[in-house]
Amino acid sequence: MNLSTLNSSLFAQLDRLGSESLKGDALREEIERSKSIVSVSGQIIDNAKIAIQAHELQLEYGIKSPLPKMLDQI
């Protein structure tokens, strides 16, 4: 999964939460699923931030390296 896919997944989850047909237990389950998705997504985003910082430091010190694979398809 790359960050573009993550973004699409987050918006798809938002659409599911906005469904007016969700009620009761189904809505509660979807809310719990959303909480899990947000938690994991936050970790992925934090990891991407660290990868960007590392790449910026490499560039600052003249080290030529490709972008990490997780960032090359943003």
N, C-alpha and C. Protein backbone atom coordinates (compact mmCIF):
# COMPACT_ATOMS: atom_id res chain seq x y z
N MET A 1 0.85 -1.18 0.00
CA MET A 1 0.00 0.00 0.00
C MET A 1 0.89 1.23 0.00
N ASN A 2 0.56 2.20 -0.84
CA ASN A 2 1.27 3.46 -0.80
C ASN A 2 0.35 4.53 -0.20
N LEU A 3 0.85 5.73 -0.08
CA LEU A 3 0.07 6.77 0.58
C LEU A 3 -1.16 7.18 -0.22
N SER A 4 -1.10 7.06 -1.53
CA SER A 4 -2.29 7.36 -2.34
C SER A 4 -3.40 6.35 -2.06
N THR A 5 -3.01 5.10 -1.95
CA THR A 5 -3.99 4.05 -1.63
C THR A 5 -4.56 4.26 -0.24
N LEU A 6 -3.70 4.63 0.69
CA LEU A 6 -4.17 4.92 2.05
C LEU A 6 -5.19 6.05 2.03
N ASN A 7 -4.90 7.09 1.30
CA ASN A 7 -5.82 8.23 1.19
C ASN A 7 -7.17 7.78 0.63
N SER A 8 -7.13 6.97 -0.41
CA SER A 8 -8.38 6.46 -1.00
C SER A 8 -9.15 5.61 0.00
N SER A 9 -8.42 4.80 0.76
CA SER A 9 -9.07 3.94 1.77
C SER A 9 -9.73 4.77 2.85
N LEU A 10 -9.07 5.84 3.27
CA LEU A 10 -9.64 6.69 4.31
C LEU A 10 -10.92 7.38 3.83
N PHE A 11 -10.92 7.85 2.58
CA PHE A 11 -12.12 8.49 2.06
C PHE A 11 -13.24 7.48 1.84
N ALA A 12 -12.89 6.25 1.46
CA ALA A 12 -13.91 5.20 1.31
C ALA A 12 -14.55 4.90 2.66
N GLN A 13 -13.73 4.86 3.71
CA GLN A 13 -14.27 4.62 5.04
C GLN A 13 -15.18 5.77 5.47
N LEU A 14 -14.78 6.97 5.15
CA LEU A 14 -15.61 8.14 5.46
C LEU A 14 -16.96 8.04 4.75
N ASP A 15 -16.94 7.60 3.51
CA ASP A 15 -18.20 7.39 2.77
C ASP A 15 -19.08 6.35 3.46
N ARG A 16 -18.45 5.25 3.90
CA ARG A 16 -19.23 4.21 4.59
C ARG A 16 -19.86 4.76 5.87
N LEU A 17 -19.09 5.56 6.59
CA LEU A 17 -19.63 6.13 7.84
C LEU A 17 -20.79 7.09 7.56
N GLY A 18 -20.75 7.73 6.41
CA GLY A 18 -21.79 8.69 6.06
C GLY A 18 -23.06 8.05 5.51
N SER A 19 -23.04 6.74 5.36
CA SER A 19 -24.20 6.05 4.81
C SER A 19 -25.38 6.15 5.77
N GLU A 20 -26.48 6.64 5.27
CA GLU A 20 -27.66 6.79 6.11
C GLU A 20 -28.33 5.45 6.41
N SER A 21 -27.93 4.42 5.69
CA SER A 21 -28.52 3.10 5.94
C SER A 21 -27.88 2.41 7.15
N LEU A 22 -26.75 2.92 7.61
CA LEU A 22 -26.11 2.33 8.80
C LEU A 22 -26.83 2.78 10.06
N LYS A 23 -27.24 1.82 10.82
CA LYS A 23 -27.94 2.12 12.08
C LYS A 23 -27.60 1.07 13.11
N GLY A 24 -27.77 1.40 14.35
CA GLY A 24 -27.61 0.44 15.44
C GLY A 24 -26.26 -0.24 15.48
N ASP A 25 -26.30 -1.57 15.57
CA ASP A 25 -25.07 -2.35 15.70
C ASP A 25 -24.16 -2.20 14.49
N ALA A 26 -24.73 -2.13 13.31
CA ALA A 26 -23.92 -1.98 12.10
C ALA A 26 -23.14 -0.66 12.15
N LEU A 27 -23.78 0.40 12.61
CA LEU A 27 -23.11 1.69 12.73
C LEU A 27 -22.01 1.63 13.78
N ARG A 28 -22.31 1.00 14.91
CA ARG A 28 -21.29 0.87 15.97
C ARG A 28 -20.08 0.07 15.46
N GLU A 29 -20.34 -1.00 14.71
CA GLU A 29 -19.25 -1.79 14.16
C GLU A 29 -18.40 -0.97 13.18
N GLU A 30 -19.07 -0.18 12.37
CA GLU A 30 -18.35 0.65 11.40
C GLU A 30 -17.52 1.72 12.10
N ILE A 31 -18.05 2.26 13.20
CA ILE A 31 -17.30 3.25 13.98
C ILE A 31 -16.06 2.61 14.58
N GLU A 32 -16.19 1.41 15.10
CA GLU A 32 -15.03 0.70 15.67
C GLU A 32 -14.00 0.39 14.58
N ARG A 33 -14.48 -0.02 13.42
CA ARG A 33 -13.58 -0.28 12.29
C ARG A 33 -12.84 1.01 11.92
N SER A 34 -13.55 2.12 11.91
CA SER A 34 -12.94 3.40 11.59
C SER A 34 -11.86 3.78 12.59
N LYS A 35 -12.12 3.53 13.85
CA LYS A 35 -11.11 3.83 14.88
C LYS A 35 -9.84 3.02 14.64
N SER A 36 -10.00 1.77 14.27
CA SER A 36 -8.84 0.92 13.98
C SER A 36 -8.09 1.43 12.76
N ILE A 37 -8.83 1.79 11.73
CA ILE A 37 -8.22 2.30 10.51
C ILE A 37 -7.45 3.58 10.79
N VAL A 38 -8.03 4.47 11.57
CA VAL A 38 -7.36 5.73 11.91
C VAL A 38 -6.07 5.46 12.69
N SER A 39 -6.12 4.52 13.60
CA SER A 39 -4.94 4.20 14.40
C SER A 39 -3.80 3.68 13.52
N VAL A 40 -4.10 2.72 12.68
CA VAL A 40 -3.08 2.16 11.79
C VAL A 40 -2.60 3.21 10.78
N SER A 41 -3.52 4.00 10.26
CA SER A 41 -3.17 5.04 9.29
C SER A 41 -2.21 6.05 9.91
N GLY A 42 -2.45 6.40 11.15
CA GLY A 42 -1.57 7.35 11.84
C GLY A 42 -0.14 6.82 11.92
N GLN A 43 -0.01 5.53 12.17
CA GLN A 43 1.33 4.93 12.23
C GLN A 43 1.99 4.94 10.85
N ILE A 44 1.22 4.67 9.82
CA ILE A 44 1.76 4.69 8.45
C ILE A 44 2.22 6.10 8.09
N ILE A 45 1.42 7.08 8.44
CA ILE A 45 1.76 8.47 8.14
C ILE A 45 3.00 8.91 8.93
N ASP A 46 3.07 8.54 10.20
CA ASP A 46 4.26 8.87 10.99
C ASP A 46 5.51 8.23 10.39
N ASN A 47 5.39 7.00 9.92
CA ASN A 47 6.50 6.32 9.29
C ASN A 47 6.93 7.05 8.01
N ALA A 48 5.96 7.51 7.23
CA ALA A 48 6.26 8.25 6.01
C ALA A 48 6.97 9.58 6.34
N LYS A 49 6.55 10.24 7.40
CA LYS A 49 7.21 11.48 7.81
C LYS A 49 8.67 11.24 8.14
N ILE A 50 8.96 10.15 8.83
CA ILE A 50 10.34 9.81 9.17
C ILE A 50 11.14 9.51 7.91
N ALA A 51 10.53 8.80 6.97
CA ALA A 51 11.21 8.50 5.71
C ALA A 51 11.52 9.77 4.95
N ILE A 52 10.60 10.72 4.95
CA ILE A 52 10.83 12.01 4.28
C ILE A 52 11.96 12.77 4.97
N GLN A 53 11.96 12.81 6.28
CA GLN A 53 13.02 13.49 7.02
C GLN A 53 14.38 12.86 6.72
N ALA A 54 14.43 11.54 6.69
CA ALA A 54 15.69 10.85 6.40
C ALA A 54 16.16 11.19 4.99
N HIS A 55 15.24 11.20 4.04
CA HIS A 55 15.61 11.53 2.66
C HIS A 55 16.10 12.98 2.56
N GLU A 56 15.44 13.89 3.25
CA GLU A 56 15.86 15.29 3.25
C GLU A 56 17.27 15.44 3.83
N LEU A 57 17.57 14.71 4.88
CA LEU A 57 18.92 14.74 5.46
C LEU A 57 19.95 14.19 4.49
N GLN A 58 19.61 13.13 3.79
CA GLN A 58 20.52 12.58 2.80
C GLN A 58 20.82 13.62 1.73
N LEU A 59 19.81 14.30 1.26
CA LEU A 59 20.00 15.33 0.24
C LEU A 59 20.84 16.48 0.78
N GLU A 60 20.57 16.87 2.01
CA GLU A 60 21.30 17.98 2.64
C GLU A 60 22.80 17.68 2.71
N TYR A 61 23.14 16.42 2.94
CA TYR A 61 24.54 16.02 3.07
C TYR A 61 25.12 15.45 1.78
N GLY A 62 24.41 15.68 0.68
CA GLY A 62 24.93 15.30 -0.63
C GLY A 62 24.87 13.82 -0.94
N ILE A 63 24.06 13.10 -0.22
CA ILE A 63 23.92 11.67 -0.48
C ILE A 63 22.77 11.48 -1.45
N LYS A 64 23.10 10.99 -2.62
CA LYS A 64 22.07 10.79 -3.63
C LYS A 64 21.45 9.41 -3.45
N SER A 65 20.17 9.40 -3.22
CA SER A 65 19.46 8.13 -3.08
C SER A 65 18.04 8.33 -3.56
N PRO A 66 17.44 7.26 -4.06
CA PRO A 66 16.04 7.37 -4.51
C PRO A 66 15.11 7.54 -3.31
N LEU A 67 13.93 8.04 -3.60
CA LEU A 67 12.92 8.11 -2.56
C LEU A 67 12.61 6.70 -2.07
N PRO A 68 12.27 6.57 -0.79
CA PRO A 68 11.83 5.25 -0.33
C PRO A 68 10.61 4.79 -1.14
N LYS A 69 10.51 3.49 -1.35
CA LYS A 69 9.41 2.95 -2.17
C LYS A 69 8.04 3.39 -1.69
N MET A 70 7.88 3.55 -0.37
CA MET A 70 6.57 3.93 0.14
C MET A 70 6.17 5.34 -0.28
N LEU A 71 7.16 6.14 -0.73
CA LEU A 71 6.87 7.52 -1.11
C LEU A 71 6.91 7.76 -2.61
N ASP A 72 7.40 6.80 -3.37
CA ASP A 72 7.63 7.06 -4.79
C ASP A 72 6.36 7.13 -5.63
N GLN A 73 5.22 6.80 -5.06
CA GLN A 73 3.97 6.85 -5.84
C GLN A 73 2.93 7.75 -5.18
N ILE A 74 3.39 8.77 -4.52
CA ILE A 74 2.44 9.67 -3.85
C ILE A 74 1.67 10.45 -4.88
